Amino acid sequence: AGDVIGQNVIWFERGPTDNIFLRTISYAEYTRDSTSPMFTSVNNSNIQ
């Protein structure tokens, strides 16, 4: 009792229709500068 058996980062977001999506969020790959082409490339290869 008390032992951790798992953890995740999630968020809730509004879907394209009348629905709510729950996504699991990974921070395994990262880029800090949101204005750089690398930011777009990394995110395009890491859809949550």
All heavy atoms as atom14 arrays in JSON, in Angstrom:
{
  "sequence": "AGDVIGQNVIWFERGPTDNIFLRTISYAEYTRDSTSPMFTSVNNSNIQ",
  "atom14_mask": [
    [1, 1, 1, 1, 1, 0, 0, 0, 0, 0, 0, 0, 0, 0],
    [1, 1, 1, 1, 0, 0, 0, 0, 0, 0, 0, 0, 0, 0],
    [1, 1, 1, 1, 1, 1, 1, 1, 0, 0, 0, 0, 0, 0],
    [1, 1, 1, 1, 1, 1, 1, 0, 0, 0, 0, 0, 0, 0],
    [1, 1, 1, 1, 1, 1, 1, 1, 0, 0, 0, 0, 0, 0],
    [1, 1, 1, 1, 0, 0, 0, 0, 0, 0, 0, 0, 0, 0],
    [1, 1, 1, 1, 1, 1, 1, 1, 1, 0, 0, 0, 0, 0],
    [1, 1, 1, 1, 1, 1, 1, 1, 0, 0, 0, 0, 0, 0],
    [1, 1, 1, 1, 1, 1, 1, 0, 0, 0, 0, 0, 0, 0],
    [1, 1, 1, 1, 1, 1, 1, 1, 0, 0, 0, 0, 0, 0],
    [1, 1, 1, 1, 1, 1, 1, 1, 1, 1, 1, 1, 1, 1],
    [1, 1, 1, 1, 1, 1, 1, 1, 1, 1, 1, 0, 0, 0],
    [1, 1, 1, 1, 1, 1, 1, 1, 1, 0, 0, 0, 0, 0],
    [1, 1, 1, 1, 1, 1, 1, 1, 1, 1, 1, 0, 0, 0],
    [1, 1, 1, 1, 0, 0, 0, 0, 0, 0, 0, 0, 0, 0],
    [1, 1, 1, 1, 1, 1, 1, 0, 0, 0, 0, 0, 0, 0],
    [1, 1, 1, 1, 1, 1, 1, 0, 0, 0, 0, 0, 0, 0],
    [1, 1, 1, 1, 1, 1, 1, 1, 0, 0, 0, 0, 0, 0],
    [1, 1, 1, 1, 1, 1, 1, 1, 0, 0, 0, 0, 0, 0],
    [1, 1, 1, 1, 1, 1, 1, 1, 0, 0, 0, 0, 0, 0],
    [1, 1, 1, 1, 1, 1, 1, 1, 1, 1, 1, 0, 0, 0],
    [1, 1, 1, 1, 1, 1, 1, 1, 0, 0, 0, 0, 0, 0],
    [1, 1, 1, 1, 1, 1, 1, 1, 1, 1, 1, 0, 0, 0],
    [1, 1, 1, 1, 1, 1, 1, 0, 0, 0, 0, 0, 0, 0],
    [1, 1, 1, 1, 1, 1, 1, 1, 0, 0, 0, 0, 0, 0],
    [1, 1, 1, 1, 1, 1, 0, 0, 0, 0, 0, 0, 0, 0],
    [1, 1, 1, 1, 1, 1, 1, 1, 1, 1, 1, 1, 0, 0],
    [1, 1, 1, 1, 1, 0, 0, 0, 0, 0, 0, 0, 0, 0],
    [1, 1, 1, 1, 1, 1, 1, 1, 1, 0, 0, 0, 0, 0],
    [1, 1, 1, 1, 1, 1, 1, 1, 1, 1, 1, 1, 0, 0],
    [1, 1, 1, 1, 1, 1, 1, 0, 0, 0, 0, 0, 0, 0],
    [1, 1, 1, 1, 1, 1, 1, 1, 1, 1, 1, 0, 0, 0],
    [1, 1, 1, 1, 1, 1, 1, 1, 0, 0, 0, 0, 0, 0],
    [1, 1, 1, 1, 1, 1, 0, 0, 0, 0, 0, 0, 0, 0],
    [1, 1, 1, 1, 1, 1, 1, 0, 0, 0, 0, 0, 0, 0],
    [1, 1, 1, 1, 1, 1, 0, 0, 0, 0, 0, 0, 0, 0],
    [1, 1, 1, 1, 1, 1, 1, 0, 0, 0, 0, 0, 0, 0],
    [1, 1, 1, 1, 1, 1, 1, 1, 0, 0, 0, 0, 0, 0],
    [1, 1, 1, 1, 1, 1, 1, 1, 1, 1, 1, 0, 0, 0],
    [1, 1, 1, 1, 1, 1, 1, 0, 0, 0, 0, 0, 0, 0],
    [1, 1, 1, 1, 1, 1, 0, 0, 0, 0, 0, 0, 0, 0],
    [1, 1, 1, 1, 1, 1, 1, 0, 0, 0, 0, 0, 0, 0],
    [1, 1, 1, 1, 1, 1, 1, 1, 0, 0, 0, 0, 0, 0],
    [1, 1, 1, 1, 1, 1, 1, 1, 0, 0, 0, 0, 0, 0],
    [1, 1, 1, 1, 1, 1, 0, 0, 0, 0, 0, 0, 0, 0],
    [1, 1, 1, 1, 1, 1, 1, 1, 0, 0, 0, 0, 0, 0],
    [1, 1, 1, 1, 1, 1, 1, 1, 0, 0, 0, 0, 0, 0],
    [1, 1, 1, 1, 1, 1, 1, 1, 1, 0, 0, 0, 0, 0]
  ],
  "atom14_positions": [
    [[0.84, -1.2, 0.0], [0.0, 0.0, 0.0], [0.87, 1.25, 0.0], [1.87, 1.33, 0.72], [-0.92, -0.02, 1.22], [0.0, 0.0, 0.0], [0.0, 0.0, 0.0], [0.0, 0.0, 0.0], [0.0, 0.0, 0.0], [0.0, 0.0, 0.0], [0.0, 0.0, 0.0], [0.0, 0.0, 0.0], [0.0, 0.0, 0.0], [0.0, 0.0, 0.0]],
    [[0.52, 2.22, -0.82], [1.28, 3.46, -0.93], [2.27, 3.48, -2.07], [2.79, 4.55, -2.42], [0.0, 0.0, 0.0], [0.0, 0.0, 0.0], [0.0, 0.0, 0.0], [0.0, 0.0, 0.0], [0.0, 0.0, 0.0], [0.0, 0.0, 0.0], [0.0, 0.0, 0.0], [0.0, 0.0, 0.0], [0.0, 0.0, 0.0], [0.0, 0.0, 0.0]],
    [[2.56, 2.33, -2.68], [3.54, 2.28, -3.77], [2.99, 2.94, -5.03], [1.83, 2.75, -5.4], [3.91, 0.83, -4.09], [4.8, 0.22, -3.02], [5.19, 0.94, -2.08], [5.1, -0.99, -3.11], [0.0, 0.0, 0.0], [0.0, 0.0, 0.0], [0.0, 0.0, 0.0], [0.0, 0.0, 0.0], [0.0, 0.0, 0.0], [0.0, 0.0, 0.0]],
    [[3.86, 3.71, -5.7], [3.49, 4.31, -6.99], [3.56, 3.24, -8.08], [4.53, 2.47, -8.15], [4.44, 5.47, -7.34], [4.15, 6.0, -8.75], [4.31, 6.59, -6.33], [0.0, 0.0, 0.0], [0.0, 0.0, 0.0], [0.0, 0.0, 0.0], [0.0, 0.0, 0.0], [0.0, 0.0, 0.0], [0.0, 0.0, 0.0], [0.0, 0.0, 0.0]],
    [[2.54, 3.18, -8.92], [2.53, 2.2, -10.01], [2.52, 2.86, -11.38], [2.46, 2.17, -12.4], [1.32, 1.25, -9.89], [0.02, 2.05, -9.73], [1.49, 0.28, -8.72], [-1.23, 1.22, -9.78], [0.0, 0.0, 0.0], [0.0, 0.0, 0.0], [0.0, 0.0, 0.0], [0.0, 0.0, 0.0], [0.0, 0.0, 0.0], [0.0, 0.0, 0.0]],
    [[2.59, 4.17, -11.42], [2.63, 4.83, -12.72], [2.3, 6.3, -12.6], [1.66, 6.74, -11.64], [0.0, 0.0, 0.0], [0.0, 0.0, 0.0], [0.0, 0.0, 0.0], [0.0, 0.0, 0.0], [0.0, 0.0, 0.0], [0.0, 0.0, 0.0], [0.0, 0.0, 0.0], [0.0, 0.0, 0.0], [0.0, 0.0, 0.0], [0.0, 0.0, 0.0]],
    [[2.75, 7.08, -13.6], [2.41, 8.49, -13.65], [2.43, 8.96, -15.1], [3.15, 8.43, -15.94], [3.34, 9.32, -12.78], [4.81, 9.27, -13.16], [5.68, 10.0, -12.15], [5.81, 9.59, -11.0], [6.27, 11.1, -12.58], [0.0, 0.0, 0.0], [0.0, 0.0, 0.0], [0.0, 0.0, 0.0], [0.0, 0.0, 0.0], [0.0, 0.0, 0.0]],
    [[1.61, 9.96, -15.38], [1.49, 10.54, -16.71], [1.25, 12.04, -16.58], [0.72, 12.5, -15.57], [0.3, 9.94, -17.49], [0.37, 8.44, -17.66], [1.05, 7.95, -18.54], [-0.35, 7.71, -16.82], [0.0, 0.0, 0.0], [0.0, 0.0, 0.0], [0.0, 0.0, 0.0], [0.0, 0.0, 0.0], [0.0, 0.0, 0.0], [0.0, 0.0, 0.0]],
    [[1.63, 12.78, -17.61], [1.19, 14.17, -17.74], [0.09, 14.2, -18.78], [0.22, 13.6, -19.86], [2.35, 15.1, -18.15], [1.83, 16.53, -18.36], [3.44, 15.1, -17.09], [0.0, 0.0, 0.0], [0.0, 0.0, 0.0], [0.0, 0.0, 0.0], [0.0, 0.0, 0.0], [0.0, 0.0, 0.0], [0.0, 0.0, 0.0], [0.0, 0.0, 0.0]],
    [[-1.01, 14.87, -18.46], [-2.15, 14.94, -19.38], [-2.62, 16.38, -19.49], [-2.22, 17.24, -18.71], [-3.33, 14.05, -18.9], [-3.89, 14.6, -17.57], [-2.91, 12.6, -18.76], [-5.21, 13.99, -17.17], [0.0, 0.0, 0.0], [0.0, 0.0, 0.0], [0.0, 0.0, 0.0], [0.0, 0.0, 0.0], [0.0, 0.0, 0.0], [0.0, 0.0, 0.0]],
    [[-3.46, 16.63, -20.47], [-4.29, 17.82, -20.46], [-5.6, 17.52, -21.18], [-5.71, 16.56, -21.94], [-3.59, 19.06, -21.01], [-3.37, 19.15, -22.5], [-4.17, 18.69, -23.51], [-2.28, 19.83, -23.14], [-3.65, 19.01, -24.74], [-2.5, 19.71, -24.54], [-1.18, 20.53, -22.69], [-1.62, 20.26, -25.48], [-0.31, 21.07, -23.63], [-0.53, 20.93, -24.99]],
    [[-6.6, 18.36, -20.91], [-7.89, 18.3, -21.61], [-7.93, 19.44, -22.6], [-7.5, 20.56, -22.3], [-9.06, 18.43, -20.62], [-9.19, 17.27, -19.66], [-8.53, 17.29, -18.44], [-9.97, 16.18, -19.97], [-8.65, 16.24, -17.54], [-10.1, 15.12, -19.09], [-9.43, 15.15, -17.87], [0.0, 0.0, 0.0], [0.0, 0.0, 0.0], [0.0, 0.0, 0.0]],
    [[-8.44, 19.17, -23.79], [-8.56, 20.21, -24.8], [-9.87, 20.07, -25.56], [-10.47, 18.99, -25.64], [-7.39, 20.16, -25.79], [-7.36, 18.92, -26.66], [-6.19, 18.93, -27.65], [-5.04, 19.17, -27.22], [-6.45, 18.69, -28.84], [0.0, 0.0, 0.0], [0.0, 0.0, 0.0], [0.0, 0.0, 0.0], [0.0, 0.0, 0.0], [0.0, 0.0, 0.0]],
    [[-10.32, 21.18, -26.13], [-11.57, 21.19, -26.89], [-11.31, 20.54, -28.25], [-10.33, 20.86, -28.93], [-12.06, 22.62, -27.08], [-13.47, 22.75, -27.64], [-14.5, 22.66, -26.58], [-15.86, 22.73, -27.09], [-16.74, 23.67, -26.75], [-16.4, 24.61, -25.9], [-17.97, 23.64, -27.23], [0.0, 0.0, 0.0], [0.0, 0.0, 0.0], [0.0, 0.0, 0.0]],
    [[-12.15, 19.6, -28.64], [-12.04, 18.94, -29.93], [-12.68, 19.77, -31.04], [-13.26, 20.82, -30.79], [0.0, 0.0, 0.0], [0.0, 0.0, 0.0], [0.0, 0.0, 0.0], [0.0, 0.0, 0.0], [0.0, 0.0, 0.0], [0.0, 0.0, 0.0], [0.0, 0.0, 0.0], [0.0, 0.0, 0.0], [0.0, 0.0, 0.0], [0.0, 0.0, 0.0]],
    [[-12.61, 19.28, -32.29], [-13.14, 20.04, -33.42], [-14.66, 20.09, -33.44], [-15.25, 20.96, -34.07], [-12.6, 19.29, -34.64], [-12.38, 17.89, -34.14], [-11.96, 18.04, -32.72], [0.0, 0.0, 0.0], [0.0, 0.0, 0.0], [0.0, 0.0, 0.0], [0.0, 0.0, 0.0], [0.0, 0.0, 0.0], [0.0, 0.0, 0.0], [0.0, 0.0, 0.0]],
    [[-15.31, 19.13, -32.77], [-16.76, 19.14, -32.68], [-17.14, 19.33, -31.22], [-16.35, 19.84, -30.44], [-17.35, 17.83, -33.25], [-16.75, 16.71, -32.56], [-17.03, 17.71, -34.74], [0.0, 0.0, 0.0], [0.0, 0.0, 0.0], [0.0, 0.0, 0.0], [0.0, 0.0, 0.0], [0.0, 0.0, 0.0], [0.0, 0.0, 0.0], [0.0, 0.0, 0.0]],
    [[-18.3, 18.91, -30.83], [-18.73, 19.09, -29.45], [-18.15, 17.99, -28.57], [-18.87, 17.16, -28.0], [-20.26, 19.1, -29.36], [-20.85, 20.35, -29.99], [-20.27, 21.43, -29.81], [-21.89, 20.24, -30.66], [0.0, 0.0, 0.0], [0.0, 0.0, 0.0], [0.0, 0.0, 0.0], [0.0, 0.0, 0.0], [0.0, 0.0, 0.0], [0.0, 0.0, 0.0]],
    [[-16.81, 17.99, -28.44], [-16.17, 16.98, -27.61], [-14.91, 17.53, -26.95], [-14.41, 18.6, -27.3], [-15.86, 15.71, -28.42], [-14.97, 15.99, -29.62], [-14.56, 17.12, -29.86], [-14.66, 14.96, -30.39], [0.0, 0.0, 0.0], [0.0, 0.0, 0.0], [0.0, 0.0, 0.0], [0.0, 0.0, 0.0], [0.0, 0.0, 0.0], [0.0, 0.0, 0.0]],
    [[-14.44, 16.77, -25.97], [-13.22, 17.11, -25.24], [-12.25, 15.95, -25.4], [-12.62, 14.79, -25.19], [-13.5, 17.36, -23.75], [-14.35, 18.61, -23.57], [-12.22, 17.46, -22.95], [-13.64, 19.92, -23.91], [0.0, 0.0, 0.0], [0.0, 0.0, 0.0], [0.0, 0.0, 0.0], [0.0, 0.0, 0.0], [0.0, 0.0, 0.0], [0.0, 0.0, 0.0]],
    [[-11.01, 16.26, -25.77], [-9.97, 15.23, -25.89], [-9.1, 15.24, -24.63], [-8.82, 16.29, -24.05], [-9.06, 15.49, -27.09], [-9.73, 15.29, -28.42], [-9.33, 16.03, -29.52], [-10.75, 14.36, -28.59], [-9.93, 15.85, -30.76], [-11.35, 14.17, -29.81], [-10.95, 14.91, -30.91], [0.0, 0.0, 0.0], [0.0, 0.0, 0.0], [0.0, 0.0, 0.0]],
    [[-8.67, 14.06, -24.22], [-7.64, 13.91, -23.19], [-6.39, 13.42, -23.89], [-6.38, 12.35, -24.49], [-8.08, 12.94, -22.09], [-7.12, 12.74, -20.91], [-7.9, 12.28, -19.68], [-6.0, 11.74, -21.19], [0.0, 0.0, 0.0], [0.0, 0.0, 0.0], [0.0, 0.0, 0.0], [0.0, 0.0, 0.0], [0.0, 0.0, 0.0], [0.0, 0.0, 0.0]],
    [[-5.32, 14.2, -23.81], [-4.04, 13.82, -24.41], [-3.03, 13.5, -23.31], [-3.03, 14.12, -22.26], [-3.47, 14.94, -25.27], [-4.21, 15.23, -26.57], [-3.46, 16.28, -27.37], [-4.2, 16.77, -28.52], [-4.04, 16.31, -29.76], [-3.15, 15.35, -30.01], [-4.75, 16.81, -30.76], [0.0, 0.0, 0.0], [0.0, 0.0, 0.0], [0.0, 0.0, 0.0]],
    [[-2.17, 12.52, -23.57], [-1.0, 12.31, -22.72], [0.15, 13.1, -23.32], [0.37, 13.09, -24.54], [-0.64, 10.82, -22.62], [-0.57, 10.24, -23.93], [-1.68, 10.07, -21.81], [0.0, 0.0, 0.0], [0.0, 0.0, 0.0], [0.0, 0.0, 0.0], [0.0, 0.0, 0.0], [0.0, 0.0, 0.0], [0.0, 0.0, 0.0], [0.0, 0.0, 0.0]],
    [[0.88, 13.8, -22.46], [1.91, 14.74, -22.9], [3.29, 14.2, -22.54], [3.55, 13.85, -21.39], [1.71, 16.12, -22.24], [0.26, 16.59, -22.39], [2.68, 17.14, -22.83], [-0.21, 16.73, -23.83], [0.0, 0.0, 0.0], [0.0, 0.0, 0.0], [0.0, 0.0, 0.0], [0.0, 0.0, 0.0], [0.0, 0.0, 0.0], [0.0, 0.0, 0.0]],
    [[4.17, 14.13, -23.53], [5.53, 13.65, -23.31], [6.51, 14.8, -23.47], [6.36, 15.66, -24.35], [5.87, 12.55, -24.33], [7.25, 12.23, -24.27], [0.0, 0.0, 0.0], [0.0, 0.0, 0.0], [0.0, 0.0, 0.0], [0.0, 0.0, 0.0], [0.0, 0.0, 0.0], [0.0, 0.0, 0.0], [0.0, 0.0, 0.0], [0.0, 0.0, 0.0]],
    [[7.52, 14.82, -22.6], [8.58, 15.8, -22.68], [9.92, 15.15, -23.0], [10.98, 15.65, -22.66], [8.68, 16.58, -21.36], [7.48, 17.46, -21.11], [6.41, 17.0, -20.37], [7.4, 18.73, -21.66], [5.29, 17.78, -20.15], [6.29, 19.53, -21.45], [5.24, 19.04, -20.69], [4.12, 19.82, -20.49], [0.0, 0.0, 0.0], [0.0, 0.0, 0.0]],
    [[9.86, 14.02, -23.69], [11.08, 13.28, -24.02], [11.95, 14.04, -25.0], [13.18, 13.96, -24.96], [10.73, 11.9, -24.58], [0.0, 0.0, 0.0], [0.0, 0.0, 0.0], [0.0, 0.0, 0.0], [0.0, 0.0, 0.0], [0.0, 0.0, 0.0], [0.0, 0.0, 0.0], [0.0, 0.0, 0.0], [0.0, 0.0, 0.0], [0.0, 0.0, 0.0]],
    [[11.35, 14.79, -25.92], [12.09, 15.59, -26.89], [11.59, 17.03, -26.8], [10.4, 17.27, -26.63], [11.91, 15.04, -28.31], [12.52, 13.64, -28.47], [12.45, 13.12, -29.9], [11.78, 13.76, -30.72], [13.07, 12.09, -30.17], [0.0, 0.0, 0.0], [0.0, 0.0, 0.0], [0.0, 0.0, 0.0], [0.0, 0.0, 0.0], [0.0, 0.0, 0.0]],
    [[12.52, 17.97, -26.96], [12.21, 19.32, -26.55], [12.99, 20.33, -27.38], [14.13, 20.08, -27.78], [12.58, 19.48, -25.06], [12.3, 20.81, -24.45], [11.0, 21.25, -24.23], [13.35, 21.65, -24.04], [10.75, 22.48, -23.63], [13.11, 22.87, -23.44], [11.8, 23.28, -23.23], [11.55, 24.49, -22.64], [0.0, 0.0, 0.0], [0.0, 0.0, 0.0]],
    [[12.34, 21.48, -27.65], [13.06, 22.63, -28.2], [12.43, 23.88, -27.59], [11.21, 23.96, -27.44], [13.0, 22.68, -29.74], [13.71, 23.83, -30.2], [11.58, 22.73, -30.25], [0.0, 0.0, 0.0], [0.0, 0.0, 0.0], [0.0, 0.0, 0.0], [0.0, 0.0, 0.0], [0.0, 0.0, 0.0], [0.0, 0.0, 0.0], [0.0, 0.0, 0.0]],
    [[13.26, 24.83, -27.2], [12.77, 25.96, -26.4], [12.29, 27.13, -27.22], [11.37, 27.84, -26.84], [13.89, 26.41, -25.46], [14.23, 25.42, -24.37], [15.55, 25.76, -23.71], [16.66, 25.6, -24.65], [17.9, 25.99, -24.41], [18.17, 26.59, -23.28], [18.86, 25.78, -25.28], [0.0, 0.0, 0.0], [0.0, 0.0, 0.0], [0.0, 0.0, 0.0]],
    [[12.92, 27.38, -28.37], [12.64, 28.58, -29.15], [11.44, 28.34, -30.06], [11.54, 27.66, -31.09], [13.88, 28.95, -29.98], [13.7, 30.27, -30.72], [12.62, 30.88, -30.6], [14.64, 30.69, -31.43], [0.0, 0.0, 0.0], [0.0, 0.0, 0.0], [0.0, 0.0, 0.0], [0.0, 0.0, 0.0], [0.0, 0.0, 0.0], [0.0, 0.0, 0.0]],
    [[10.3, 28.9, -29.71], [9.06, 28.67, -30.48], [9.08, 29.37, -31.83], [8.21, 29.12, -32.66], [7.85, 29.14, -29.67], [7.94, 30.53, -29.39], [0.0, 0.0, 0.0], [0.0, 0.0, 0.0], [0.0, 0.0, 0.0], [0.0, 0.0, 0.0], [0.0, 0.0, 0.0], [0.0, 0.0, 0.0], [0.0, 0.0, 0.0], [0.0, 0.0, 0.0]],
    [[10.07, 30.25, -32.07], [10.13, 30.96, -33.35], [11.04, 30.26, -34.36], [11.11, 30.67, -35.52], [10.63, 32.4, -33.14], [11.97, 32.36, -32.62], [9.74, 33.13, -32.17], [0.0, 0.0, 0.0], [0.0, 0.0, 0.0], [0.0, 0.0, 0.0], [0.0, 0.0, 0.0], [0.0, 0.0, 0.0], [0.0, 0.0, 0.0], [0.0, 0.0, 0.0]],
    [[11.75, 29.22, -33.92], [12.71, 28.58, -34.81], [12.04, 27.5, -35.65], [11.04, 26.9, -35.25], [13.84, 27.95, -34.0], [13.37, 26.81, -33.29], [0.0, 0.0, 0.0], [0.0, 0.0, 0.0], [0.0, 0.0, 0.0], [0.0, 0.0, 0.0], [0.0, 0.0, 0.0], [0.0, 0.0, 0.0], [0.0, 0.0, 0.0], [0.0, 0.0, 0.0]],
    [[12.59, 27.24, -36.86], [12.06, 26.14, -37.68], [12.17, 24.79, -36.97], [11.35, 23.9, -37.19], [12.95, 26.17, -38.94], [13.51, 27.56, -38.97], [13.66, 27.98, -37.55], [0.0, 0.0, 0.0], [0.0, 0.0, 0.0], [0.0, 0.0, 0.0], [0.0, 0.0, 0.0], [0.0, 0.0, 0.0], [0.0, 0.0, 0.0], [0.0, 0.0, 0.0]],
    [[13.18, 24.65, -36.09], [13.35, 23.39, -35.37], [12.16, 23.12, -34.46], [11.74, 21.98, -34.28], [14.64, 23.45, -34.53], [14.95, 22.16, -33.78], [15.23, 20.76, -34.88], [16.86, 21.17, -35.49], [0.0, 0.0, 0.0], [0.0, 0.0, 0.0], [0.0, 0.0, 0.0], [0.0, 0.0, 0.0], [0.0, 0.0, 0.0], [0.0, 0.0, 0.0]],
    [[11.58, 24.19, -33.88], [10.42, 24.04, -33.0], [9.27, 23.38, -33.76], [8.66, 22.42, -33.28], [10.0, 25.41, -32.47], [8.82, 25.37, -31.54], [9.0, 25.15, -30.18], [7.54, 25.57, -32.02], [7.92, 25.12, -29.32], [6.44, 25.53, -31.16], [6.63, 25.31, -29.81], [0.0, 0.0, 0.0], [0.0, 0.0, 0.0], [0.0, 0.0, 0.0]],
    [[9.01, 23.87, -34.96], [7.92, 23.3, -35.76], [8.23, 21.86, -36.14], [7.37, 20.98, -36.08], [7.71, 24.15, -37.03], [7.41, 25.49, -36.64], [6.57, 23.59, -37.86], [0.0, 0.0, 0.0], [0.0, 0.0, 0.0], [0.0, 0.0, 0.0], [0.0, 0.0, 0.0], [0.0, 0.0, 0.0], [0.0, 0.0, 0.0], [0.0, 0.0, 0.0]],
    [[9.49, 21.62, -36.55], [9.87, 20.28, -36.98], [9.75, 19.26, -35.85], [9.21, 18.17, -36.03], [11.31, 20.29, -37.51], [11.71, 18.99, -37.9], [0.0, 0.0, 0.0], [0.0, 0.0, 0.0], [0.0, 0.0, 0.0], [0.0, 0.0, 0.0], [0.0, 0.0, 0.0], [0.0, 0.0, 0.0], [0.0, 0.0, 0.0], [0.0, 0.0, 0.0]],
    [[10.24, 19.64, -34.64], [10.17, 18.72, -33.5], [8.72, 18.44, -33.14], [8.34, 17.3, -32.88], [10.95, 19.3, -32.3], [10.68, 18.49, -31.04], [12.44, 19.3, -32.6], [0.0, 0.0, 0.0], [0.0, 0.0, 0.0], [0.0, 0.0, 0.0], [0.0, 0.0, 0.0], [0.0, 0.0, 0.0], [0.0, 0.0, 0.0], [0.0, 0.0, 0.0]],
    [[7.89, 19.48, -33.11], [6.48, 19.28, -32.75], [5.75, 18.44, -33.8], [4.87, 17.64, -33.46], [5.78, 20.63, -32.57], [6.16, 21.28, -31.25], [6.56, 20.61, -30.31], [6.03, 22.59, -31.18], [0.0, 0.0, 0.0], [0.0, 0.0, 0.0], [0.0, 0.0, 0.0], [0.0, 0.0, 0.0], [0.0, 0.0, 0.0], [0.0, 0.0, 0.0]],
    [[6.12, 18.62, -35.07], [5.46, 17.83, -36.12], [5.81, 16.35, -36.0], [5.07, 15.48, -36.45], [5.88, 18.34, -37.5], [5.2, 19.65, -37.85], [4.23, 20.05, -37.2], [5.71, 20.33, -38.86], [0.0, 0.0, 0.0], [0.0, 0.0, 0.0], [0.0, 0.0, 0.0], [0.0, 0.0, 0.0], [0.0, 0.0, 0.0], [0.0, 0.0, 0.0]],
    [[6.93, 16.06, -35.39], [7.36, 14.67, -35.22], [7.03, 14.11, -33.84], [7.42, 13.0, -33.52], [8.87, 14.55, -35.46], [9.2, 14.92, -36.78], [0.0, 0.0, 0.0], [0.0, 0.0, 0.0], [0.0, 0.0, 0.0], [0.0, 0.0, 0.0], [0.0, 0.0, 0.0], [0.0, 0.0, 0.0], [0.0, 0.0, 0.0], [0.0, 0.0, 0.0]],
    [[6.33, 14.91, -33.04], [6.01, 14.48, -31.68], [4.57, 14.85, -31.31], [4.32, 15.43, -30.27], [6.98, 15.11, -30.68], [8.36, 14.51, -30.74], [8.64, 13.48, -30.13], [9.24, 15.16, -31.49], [0.0, 0.0, 0.0], [0.0, 0.0, 0.0], [0.0, 0.0, 0.0], [0.0, 0.0, 0.0], [0.0, 0.0, 0.0], [0.0, 0.0, 0.0]],
    [[3.62, 14.53, -32.19], [2.24, 14.82, -31.87], [1.83, 14.0, -30.66], [2.16, 12.82, -30.54], [1.31, 14.55, -33.08], [-0.11, 15.03, -32.77], [1.33, 13.08, -33.49], [-1.02, 15.02, -33.98], [0.0, 0.0, 0.0], [0.0, 0.0, 0.0], [0.0, 0.0, 0.0], [0.0, 0.0, 0.0], [0.0, 0.0, 0.0], [0.0, 0.0, 0.0]],
    [[1.17, 14.63, -29.73], [0.8, 13.96, -28.48], [-0.47, 13.14, -28.7], [-1.44, 13.63, -29.28], [0.58, 15.0, -27.36], [1.71, 16.02, -27.21], [3.0, 15.4, -26.7], [3.09, 14.2, -26.47], [4.03, 16.21, -26.52], [0.0, 0.0, 0.0], [0.0, 0.0, 0.0], [0.0, 0.0, 0.0], [0.0, 0.0, 0.0], [0.0, 0.0, 0.0]]
  ]
}
